[in-house]
C-alpha atoms as a PDB file:
ATOM      1  CA  MET A   1      29.089   4.730 -38.692  1.00  0.00           C
ATOM      2  CA  GLY A   2      28.224   1.128 -37.798  1.00  0.00           C
ATOM      3  CA  ARG A   3      27.957   1.999 -34.097  1.00  0.00           C
ATOM      4  CA  ILE A   4      25.568   4.892 -34.859  1.00  0.00           C
ATOM      5  CA  PHE A   5      23.429   2.567 -36.987  1.00  0.00           C
ATOM      6  CA  GLU A   6      23.281  -0.040 -34.217  1.00  0.00           C
ATOM      7  CA  THR A   7      22.281   2.627 -31.670  1.00  0.00           C
ATOM      8  CA  ARG A   8      19.502   3.903 -33.937  1.00  0.00           C
ATOM      9  CA  LYS A   9      18.307   0.353 -34.581  1.00  0.00           C
ATOM     10  CA  ALA A  10      18.212  -0.400 -30.849  1.00  0.00           C
ATOM     11  CA  THR A  11      16.243   2.803 -30.223  1.00  0.00           C
ATOM     12  CA  MET A  12      13.807   1.911 -33.012  1.00  0.00           C
ATOM     13  CA  PHE A  13      13.250  -1.603 -31.649  1.00  0.00           C
ATOM     14  CA  ALA A  14      12.717  -0.217 -28.138  1.00  0.00           C
ATOM     15  CA  ARG A  15      10.098   2.169 -29.522  1.00  0.00           C
ATOM     16  CA  TRP A  16       8.356  -0.673 -31.365  1.00  0.00           C
ATOM     17  CA  ASP A  17       8.378  -2.826 -28.228  1.00  0.00           C
ATOM     18  CA  LYS A  18       6.830  -0.012 -26.210  1.00  0.00           C
ATOM     19  CA  MET A  19       4.171   0.594 -28.863  1.00  0.00           C
ATOM     20  CA  ALA A  20       3.353  -3.121 -29.086  1.00  0.00           C
ATOM     21  CA  LYS A  21       2.953  -3.260 -25.299  1.00  0.00           C
ATOM     22  CA  ILE A  22       0.599  -0.253 -25.339  1.00  0.00           C
ATOM     23  CA  PHE A  23      -1.485  -1.752 -28.154  1.00  0.00           C
ATOM     24  CA  THR A  24      -1.717  -5.076 -26.278  1.00  0.00           C
ATOM     25  CA  ARG A  25      -2.889  -3.283 -23.127  1.00  0.00           C
ATOM     26  CA  ILE A  26      -5.545  -1.355 -25.047  1.00  0.00           C
ATOM     27  CA  SER A  27      -6.725  -4.513 -26.834  1.00  0.00           C
ATOM     28  CA  LYS A  28      -7.238  -6.159 -23.448  1.00  0.00           C
ATOM     29  CA  ASP A  29      -9.153  -3.085 -22.236  1.00  0.00           C
ATOM     30  CA  ILE A  30     -11.358  -3.358 -25.333  1.00  0.00           C
ATOM     31  CA  THR A  31     -11.977  -7.083 -24.725  1.00  0.00           C
ATOM     32  CA  ILE A  32     -12.943  -6.511 -21.097  1.00  0.00           C
ATOM     33  CA  ALA A  33     -15.206  -3.579 -22.019  1.00  0.00           C
ATOM     34  CA  VAL A  34     -16.972  -5.472 -24.840  1.00  0.00           C
ATOM     35  CA  LYS A  35     -17.593  -8.541 -22.675  1.00  0.00           C
ATOM     36  CA  ALA A  36     -19.038  -6.345 -19.924  1.00  0.00           C
ATOM     37  CA  GLY A  37     -21.112  -3.916 -21.991  1.00  0.00           C
ATOM     38  CA  GLY A  38     -21.327  -5.011 -25.627  1.00  0.00           C
ATOM     39  CA  PRO A  39     -19.583  -3.911 -28.861  1.00  0.00           C
ATOM     40  CA  ILE A  40     -21.528  -0.688 -29.562  1.00  0.00           C
ATOM     41  CA  VAL A  41     -19.196   2.196 -28.675  1.00  0.00           C
ATOM     42  CA  GLU A  42     -22.006   4.731 -28.190  1.00  0.00           C
ATOM     43  CA  ASN A  43     -23.762   2.495 -25.652  1.00  0.00           C
ATOM     44  CA  ASN A  44     -20.688   1.368 -23.723  1.00  0.00           C
ATOM     45  CA  PRO A  45     -18.793   4.048 -21.713  1.00  0.00           C
ATOM     46  CA  ALA A  46     -15.900   1.690 -20.890  1.00  0.00           C
ATOM     47  CA  LEU A  47     -15.466   0.795 -24.557  1.00  0.00           C
ATOM     48  CA  ARG A  48     -15.696   4.473 -25.490  1.00  0.00           C
ATOM     49  CA  ARG A  49     -12.844   5.205 -23.072  1.00  0.00           C
ATOM     50  CA  ALA A  50     -10.745   2.370 -24.494  1.00  0.00           C
ATOM     51  CA  VAL A  51     -11.269   3.611 -28.055  1.00  0.00           C
ATOM     52  CA  GLN A  52     -10.351   7.165 -27.014  1.00  0.00           C
ATOM     53  CA  ASN A  53      -7.156   5.842 -25.455  1.00  0.00           C
ATOM     54  CA  ALA A  54      -6.415   3.860 -28.619  1.00  0.00           C
ATOM     55  CA  ARG A  55      -6.642   7.063 -30.662  1.00  0.00           C
ATOM     56  CA  ALA A  56      -4.380   8.870 -28.188  1.00  0.00           C
ATOM     57  CA  ALA A  57      -1.802   6.084 -28.616  1.00  0.00           C
ATOM     58  CA  ASN A  58      -2.084   6.270 -32.449  1.00  0.00           C
ATOM     59  CA  MET A  59      -3.353   2.698 -32.587  1.00  0.00           C
ATOM     60  CA  PRO A  60      -4.472   2.049 -36.196  1.00  0.00           C
ATOM     61  CA  LYS A  61      -8.228   2.119 -36.728  1.00  0.00           C
ATOM     62  CA  ASP A  62      -8.275  -1.372 -38.261  1.00  0.00           C
ATOM     63  CA  LYS A  63      -6.538  -2.792 -35.173  1.00  0.00           C
ATOM     64  CA  VAL A  64      -9.188  -1.198 -32.932  1.00  0.00           C
ATOM     65  CA  GLU A  65     -12.031  -2.553 -35.095  1.00  0.00           C
ATOM     66  CA  ASN A  66     -10.458  -6.032 -35.184  1.00  0.00           C
ATOM     67  CA  ALA A  67     -10.041  -6.001 -31.382  1.00  0.00           C
ATOM     68  CA  ILE A  68     -13.763  -5.203 -30.987  1.00  0.00           C
ATOM     69  CA  LYS A  69     -14.720  -7.988 -33.425  1.00  0.00           C
ATOM     70  CA  ARG A  70     -12.495 -10.531 -31.675  1.00  0.00           C
ATOM     71  CA  ALA A  71     -13.897  -9.541 -28.280  1.00  0.00           C
ATOM     72  CA  SER A  72     -17.434 -10.109 -29.620  1.00  0.00           C
ATOM     73  CA  GLY A  73     -16.649 -13.698 -30.621  1.00  0.00           C
ATOM     74  CA  ASN A  74     -17.203 -16.791 -28.522  1.00  0.00           C
ATOM     75  CA  ASP A  75     -13.508 -17.685 -28.520  1.00  0.00           C
ATOM     76  CA  ALA A  76     -12.328 -14.352 -27.096  1.00  0.00           C
ATOM     77  CA  SER A  77     -10.045 -14.581 -24.072  1.00  0.00           C
ATOM     78  CA  ASP A  78     -11.748 -14.196 -20.725  1.00  0.00           C
ATOM     79  CA  TYR A  79      -9.516 -11.811 -18.785  1.00  0.00           C
ATOM     80  CA  GLN A  80      -9.667 -11.259 -15.043  1.00  0.00           C
ATOM     81  CA  GLU A  81      -8.628  -7.864 -13.728  1.00  0.00           C
ATOM     82  CA  LEU A  82      -6.450  -8.416 -10.650  1.00  0.00           C
ATOM     83  CA  ILE A  83      -4.374  -6.016  -8.556  1.00  0.00           C
ATOM     84  CA  TYR A  84      -1.238  -7.046  -6.683  1.00  0.00           C
ATOM     85  CA  GLU A  85       0.427  -4.956  -3.989  1.00  0.00           C
ATOM     86  CA  GLY A  86       3.885  -4.702  -2.546  1.00  0.00           C
ATOM     87  CA  TYR A  87       6.911  -2.588  -1.780  1.00  0.00           C
ATOM     88  CA  GLY A  88       9.822  -1.733  -4.023  1.00  0.00           C
ATOM     89  CA  PRO A  89      13.308  -0.797  -2.855  1.00  0.00           C
ATOM     90  CA  HIS A  90      13.504   1.933  -0.194  1.00  0.00           C
ATOM     91  CA  GLY A  91       9.911   1.367   0.944  1.00  0.00           C
ATOM     92  CA  VAL A  92       8.168   2.692  -2.170  1.00  0.00           C
ATOM     93  CA  ALA A  93       4.590   1.368  -2.329  1.00  0.00           C
ATOM     94  CA  VAL A  94       3.589  -0.307  -5.603  1.00  0.00           C
ATOM     95  CA  LEU A  95       0.239  -1.374  -7.088  1.00  0.00           C
ATOM     96  CA  VAL A  96       0.307  -3.671 -10.117  1.00  0.00           C
ATOM     97  CA  GLN A  97      -2.844  -3.768 -12.243  1.00  0.00           C
ATOM     98  CA  THR A  98      -3.147  -6.873 -14.417  1.00  0.00           C
ATOM     99  CA  ALA A  99      -5.523  -8.425 -16.936  1.00  0.00           C
ATOM    100  CA  THR A 100      -4.945 -12.148 -17.179  1.00  0.00           C
ATOM    101  CA  ASP A 101      -6.407 -15.420 -18.411  1.00  0.00           C
ATOM    102  CA  ASN A 102      -4.040 -17.335 -16.097  1.00  0.00           C
ATOM    103  CA  PRO A 103      -3.817 -15.872 -12.559  1.00  0.00           C
ATOM    104  CA  THR A 104      -1.399 -18.607 -11.418  1.00  0.00           C
ATOM    105  CA  ARG A 105       1.125 -17.562 -14.062  1.00  0.00           C
ATOM    106  CA  THR A 106       0.591 -13.871 -13.401  1.00  0.00           C
ATOM    107  CA  VAL A 107       1.048 -13.934  -9.630  1.00  0.00           C
ATOM    108  CA  ALA A 108       4.249 -15.978 -10.047  1.00  0.00           C
ATOM    109  CA  ASN A 109       5.651 -13.520 -12.581  1.00  0.00           C
ATOM    110  CA  VAL A 110       4.723 -10.486 -10.481  1.00  0.00           C
ATOM    111  CA  ARG A 111       6.239 -12.000  -7.342  1.00  0.00           C
ATOM    112  CA  ASN A 112       9.420 -12.818  -9.269  1.00  0.00           C
ATOM    113  CA  ALA A 113       9.684  -9.228 -10.559  1.00  0.00           C
ATOM    114  CA  PHE A 114       9.323  -7.857  -7.017  1.00  0.00           C
ATOM    115  CA  ASN A 115      11.955 -10.246  -5.655  1.00  0.00           C
ATOM    116  CA  LYS A 116      14.479  -9.668  -8.451  1.00  0.00           C
ATOM    117  CA  GLY A 117      13.987  -5.918  -8.187  1.00  0.00           C
ATOM    118  CA  GLY A 118      14.814  -5.805  -4.488  1.00  0.00           C
ATOM    119  CA  GLY A 119      11.219  -5.448  -3.329  1.00  0.00           C
ATOM    120  CA  ASN A 120       8.651  -7.773  -1.827  1.00  0.00           C
ATOM    121  CA  MET A 121       5.072  -8.609  -2.690  1.00  0.00           C
ATOM    122  CA  GLY A 122       2.484  -7.950   0.004  1.00  0.00           C
ATOM    123  CA  SER A 123      -1.040  -9.066   0.771  1.00  0.00           C
ATOM    124  CA  THR A 124      -4.233  -7.388  -0.425  1.00  0.00           C
ATOM    125  CA  GLY A 125      -4.651  -4.041   1.311  1.00  0.00           C
ATOM    126  CA  SER A 126      -1.029  -3.777   2.403  1.00  0.00           C
ATOM    127  CA  VAL A 127      -0.348  -0.610   0.367  1.00  0.00           C
ATOM    128  CA  ALA A 128      -3.653   0.319  -1.297  1.00  0.00           C
ATOM    129  CA  PHE A 129      -4.486   2.739   1.522  1.00  0.00           C
ATOM    130  CA  GLN A 130      -1.617   4.944   0.283  1.00  0.00           C
ATOM    131  CA  PHE A 131      -3.465   5.659  -2.989  1.00  0.00           C
ATOM    132  CA  LYS A 132      -6.684   7.337  -4.102  1.00  0.00           C
ATOM    133  CA  HIS A 133      -8.597   5.560  -6.866  1.00  0.00           C
ATOM    134  CA  MET A 134      -9.472   8.339  -9.313  1.00  0.00           C
ATOM    135  CA  GLY A 135     -10.774   8.971 -12.798  1.00  0.00           C
ATOM    136  CA  VAL A 136      -8.244  10.953 -14.820  1.00  0.00           C
ATOM    137  CA  PHE A 137      -9.197  12.764 -18.029  1.00  0.00           C
ATOM    138  CA  ARG A 138      -6.662  14.442 -20.291  1.00  0.00           C
ATOM    139  CA  ILE A 139      -8.274  17.186 -22.362  1.00  0.00           C
ATOM    140  CA  SER A 140      -7.018  19.252 -25.276  1.00  0.00           C
ATOM    141  CA  PRO A 141      -6.668  22.872 -24.057  1.00  0.00           C
ATOM    142  CA  GLU A 142      -7.179  24.342 -27.517  1.00  0.00           C
ATOM    143  CA  GLY A 143      -9.964  26.949 -27.439  1.00  0.00           C
ATOM    144  CA  VAL A 144     -10.808  26.095 -23.820  1.00  0.00           C
ATOM    145  CA  ASP A 145     -11.266  28.584 -20.994  1.00  0.00           C
ATOM    146  CA  ALA A 146      -9.719  26.440 -18.245  1.00  0.00           C
ATOM    147  CA  GLU A 147     -11.104  28.510 -15.391  1.00  0.00           C
ATOM    148  CA  GLU A 148     -14.632  28.384 -16.773  1.00  0.00           C
ATOM    149  CA  VAL A 149     -14.427  24.630 -17.394  1.00  0.00           C
ATOM    150  CA  GLU A 150     -13.149  24.001 -13.875  1.00  0.00           C
ATOM    151  CA  LEU A 151     -15.988  25.955 -12.263  1.00  0.00           C
ATOM    152  CA  ASP A 152     -18.537  24.263 -14.512  1.00  0.00           C
ATOM    153  CA  LEU A 153     -17.347  20.696 -13.886  1.00  0.00           C
ATOM    154  CA  ILE A 154     -17.088  20.973 -10.090  1.00  0.00           C
ATOM    155  CA  ASP A 155     -20.815  20.219  -9.933  1.00  0.00           C
ATOM    156  CA  HIS A 156     -20.205  17.003 -11.881  1.00  0.00           C
ATOM    157  CA  GLY A 157     -17.530  15.469  -9.683  1.00  0.00           C
ATOM    158  CA  LEU A 158     -14.330  17.310 -10.599  1.00  0.00           C
ATOM    159  CA  GLU A 159     -11.903  17.305  -7.651  1.00  0.00           C
ATOM    160  CA  GLU A 160      -8.627  18.497  -9.186  1.00  0.00           C
ATOM    161  CA  MET A 161      -7.595  20.213 -12.404  1.00  0.00           C
ATOM    162  CA  GLY A 162      -4.171  21.240 -13.626  1.00  0.00           C
ATOM    163  CA  GLU A 163      -1.875  21.462 -16.624  1.00  0.00           C
ATOM    164  CA  GLY A 164       0.190  18.604 -17.979  1.00  0.00           C
ATOM    165  CA  GLU A 165       2.047  17.388 -21.042  1.00  0.00           C
ATOM    166  CA  SER A 166       1.891  14.337 -23.297  1.00  0.00           C
ATOM    167  CA  ASP A 167       4.953  12.157 -23.916  1.00  0.00           C
ATOM    168  CA  LYS A 168       5.619  14.374 -26.938  1.00  0.00           C
ATOM    169  CA  GLY A 169       5.494  17.569 -24.876  1.00  0.00           C
ATOM    170  CA  GLU A 170       2.041  18.641 -26.080  1.00  0.00           C
ATOM    171  CA  PRO A 171       0.015  20.630 -23.515  1.00  0.00           C
ATOM    172  CA  GLN A 172      -2.989  19.007 -21.843  1.00  0.00           C
ATOM    173  CA  LEU A 173      -5.534  19.819 -19.178  1.00  0.00           C
ATOM    174  CA  VAL A 174      -5.587  17.062 -16.556  1.00  0.00           C
ATOM    175  CA  ILE A 175      -8.919  16.600 -14.757  1.00  0.00           C
ATOM    176  CA  ARG A 176      -9.389  14.226 -11.823  1.00  0.00           C
ATOM    177  CA  CYS A 177     -12.439  12.951  -9.973  1.00  0.00           C
ATOM    178  CA  ALA A 178     -13.247  10.240  -7.440  1.00  0.00           C
ATOM    179  CA  PHE A 179     -13.534   6.924  -9.275  1.00  0.00           C
ATOM    180  CA  ASN A 180     -17.224   6.631  -8.341  1.00  0.00           C
ATOM    181  CA  ASP A 181     -17.872   9.891 -10.238  1.00  0.00           C
ATOM    182  CA  PHE A 182     -16.098   8.697 -13.407  1.00  0.00           C
ATOM    183  CA  GLY A 183     -19.230   8.154 -15.509  1.00  0.00           C
ATOM    184  CA  ARG A 184     -20.910  11.364 -14.334  1.00  0.00           C
ATOM    185  CA  LEU A 185     -17.884  13.498 -15.165  1.00  0.00           C
ATOM    186  CA  GLN A 186     -17.316  11.706 -18.469  1.00  0.00           C
ATOM    187  CA  ARG A 187     -20.866  12.547 -19.592  1.00  0.00           C
ATOM    188  CA  ALA A 188     -20.441  16.193 -18.561  1.00  0.00           C
ATOM    189  CA  ILE A 189     -17.143  16.474 -20.473  1.00  0.00           C
ATOM    190  CA  GLU A 190     -18.665  14.929 -23.610  1.00  0.00           C
ATOM    191  CA  GLU A 191     -21.818  17.088 -23.416  1.00  0.00           C
ATOM    192  CA  ARG A 192     -19.626  20.209 -23.429  1.00  0.00           C
ATOM    193  CA  GLY A 193     -17.831  19.103 -26.577  1.00  0.00           C
ATOM    194  CA  LEU A 194     -14.398  19.002 -24.942  1.00  0.00           C
ATOM    195  CA  THR A 195     -11.788  16.991 -26.830  1.00  0.00           C
ATOM    196  CA  VAL A 196     -10.820  14.009 -24.684  1.00  0.00           C
ATOM    197  CA  ILE A 197      -7.282  12.785 -25.355  1.00  0.00           C
ATOM    198  CA  SER A 198      -7.484   9.941 -22.860  1.00  0.00           C
ATOM    199  CA  ALA A 199      -9.644   8.767 -19.972  1.00  0.00           C
ATOM    200  CA  GLU A 200      -8.246   6.370 -17.394  1.00  0.00           C
ATOM    201  CA  ALA A 201      -8.827   4.995 -13.922  1.00  0.00           C
ATOM    202  CA  GLU A 202      -5.616   5.596 -11.959  1.00  0.00           C
ATOM    203  CA  TYR A 203      -4.290   5.155  -8.439  1.00  0.00           C
ATOM    204  CA  ILE A 204      -2.838   8.465  -7.243  1.00  0.00           C
ATOM    205  CA  PRO A 205      -0.416   8.399  -4.279  1.00  0.00           C
ATOM    206  CA  THR A 206      -1.541  10.454  -1.296  1.00  0.00           C
ATOM    207  CA  ALA A 207       2.010  11.027   0.003  1.00  0.00           C
ATOM    208  CA  PRO A 208       4.701  10.639  -2.700  1.00  0.00           C
ATOM    209  CA  THR A 209       8.114   9.368  -1.599  1.00  0.00           C
ATOM    210  CA  GLU A 210      11.132  11.572  -2.341  1.00  0.00           C
ATOM    211  CA  LEU A 211      14.365   9.659  -3.018  1.00  0.00           C
ATOM    212  CA  PRO A 212      17.846  10.611  -4.218  1.00  0.00           C
ATOM    213  CA  GLU A 213      18.552   9.817  -7.870  1.00  0.00           C
ATOM    214  CA  GLU A 214      20.470   6.583  -7.324  1.00  0.00           C
ATOM    215  CA  ALA A 215      17.789   5.128  -5.045  1.00  0.00           C
ATOM    216  CA  ALA A 216      15.000   6.272  -7.391  1.00  0.00           C
ATOM    217  CA  THR A 217      16.755   4.508 -10.275  1.00  0.00           C
ATOM    218  CA  GLU A 218      16.645   1.215  -8.345  1.00  0.00           C
ATOM    219  CA  VAL A 219      12.884   1.600  -7.903  1.00  0.00           C
ATOM    220  CA  LEU A 220      12.342   2.490 -11.563  1.00  0.00           C
ATOM    221  CA  LYS A 221      14.272  -0.596 -12.671  1.00  0.00           C
ATOM    222  CA  MET A 222      11.902  -2.799 -10.686  1.00  0.00           C
ATOM    223  CA  ILE A 223       8.877  -0.962 -12.080  1.00  0.00           C
ATOM    224  CA  ASP A 224      10.224  -1.418 -15.622  1.00  0.00           C
ATOM    225  CA  ARG A 225      10.649  -5.152 -14.940  1.00  0.00           C
ATOM    226  CA  LEU A 226       6.993  -5.352 -13.867  1.00  0.00           C
ATOM    227  CA  GLU A 227       5.789  -3.367 -16.878  1.00  0.00           C
ATOM    228  CA  GLN A 228       7.532  -5.754 -19.278  1.00  0.00           C
ATOM    229  CA  ASP A 229       5.224  -8.598 -18.244  1.00  0.00           C
ATOM    230  CA  ASP A 230       2.499  -9.214 -20.827  1.00  0.00           C
ATOM    231  CA  ASP A 231      -0.182  -9.614 -18.138  1.00  0.00           C
ATOM    232  CA  VAL A 232       0.574  -6.253 -16.521  1.00  0.00           C
ATOM    233  CA  GLN A 233      -1.624  -3.370 -17.648  1.00  0.00           C
ATOM    234  CA  LYS A 234      -0.298  -0.553 -15.451  1.00  0.00           C
ATOM    235  CA  VAL A 235       1.995  -0.040 -12.482  1.00  0.00           C
ATOM    236  CA  PHE A 236       1.282   2.701  -9.920  1.00  0.00           C
ATOM    237  CA  HIS A 237       3.767   3.750  -7.245  1.00  0.00           C
ATOM    238  CA  THR A 238       4.436   6.381  -4.618  1.00  0.00           C
ATOM    239  CA  LEU A 239       7.827   7.476  -6.007  1.00  0.00           C
ATOM    240  CA  ALA A 240       7.744  11.253  -6.504  1.00  0.00           C
END
């Protein structure tokens, strides 16, 4: 009985840690968006995206409002968005997106995670060419004619559309566009009253790397090490 309790407790703490990390990432996104475009959600597309993503992550409304208020103050952290590149084990390309108020600390931590994970950090541009920078919208499929939506949104920048699932197994429509068309497609989606679950800028690999399970596990361990760092927002990789 005691062993079962300990296992459940460990699982619960892991879930809390993951949720705290997600909330921290979204709070940083909110801070960056407010500093760039102001605290009014309706007038700030980047802030609107961050708030949508907060809802998708079940971030409490008061936490979102407090993050906006803090970001509006003079003592709010001034984050820089920096991307680091490198290779993981077995030649898997990795992009690490960070938001930091101390780049010296961040680059040291990222380099350490690469080295300990059996990879190596590269210079700017060393792996970025293996990814496409895209806007990715996840839409609720309820009451939506997917074929009609796809044809309609092609004129507004849509490049790819397919089906996906949330972490909880809930169905989603996944819509992608070139990053430069992000705002145009976002407006078109909102004008059509589609329910946006999340809206993100992502780096999509152009040629995913297939690896056997044991080798893939080595890569995922390094990626997990990177994701644990508080300055890291997202990690993109070419592992299939």
